[in-house]
Amino acid sequence: MEIVRLTADYELKPFDCGDADLNGFLLNDAKNYAEKKLAFTFILEDEGRIVAYYSLLNDKISKRDTSNAAWRRMKKLFPHQKHFNSYPAIKIGRFAVAKEYEGQGIGRKLMDVIKMRLFAYEVSSAFRFLTVDAYLSAVPFYERNDFKMVLSDDDDEHTRMMYFDIVHL
C-alpha cells in the first residue's frame, strides 16, 4: 500500500465508503479543491485500488468557536505571552475507508500515518492542532484516536468539531 497525492492527471478508480457525500467529494470535487488551493487529497492505494483517502486544509481553533472552559484548557498549553485569540491548525476535511476494507484497522493506521507525517515533515506553515468536523457516527473513531471535543455540544446536528494536539506525539 502507498499514499499518493491526488493530481489533475490522476485517474480516479471506483470508490465506495458507504457515504454518498464522502464518495461524491472524492469522485467529483477533490481535483477542483486542489486546483483552487482549498484542500489537498491523498489516496491510499493497494494494487491500483483506492483503499481510503483523506483531504487536508488549513484551519484554526479560535476563542469564538469554543466554550470558556475549553478555551481556558487550551490557553494553558501556551506561555502567557503566547496567548492569542486563535491557534493554527490543519483540518482533516474528508476521511474515508472503502467498505470492503472496513474492520481491518486501516482507518486507525491511516490516522497514525497522517499524524506522524504532519509531525515529522516540515511544512510551509506552522500549526499546533489537527482538527476535524466529525460526523456524529465517527466521533467514537476520533476519540479512540485521541481527538478531543472542542465543545461537548454544538449547534451542528450532524458533526462535532474535534482536535488533536500534535505535540502529544
Foldseek 3Di string as FASTA:
>chain_A
DDKDKDEPPDDDDQFAQPDPVLNCCVVPPQHVCVVVVAWIKMFDDDPRHTFKMWIKGKDKAFPVNADPVLLVVVCVVDPPVPDDRIFIEMEGEHIGGGPVCPPVCPSVVVVVVVLCVVLPDDDPDDGFKYKYFAFPVCVVVVVVVVWAFRYPDDDDPGTTITIDGSVVD
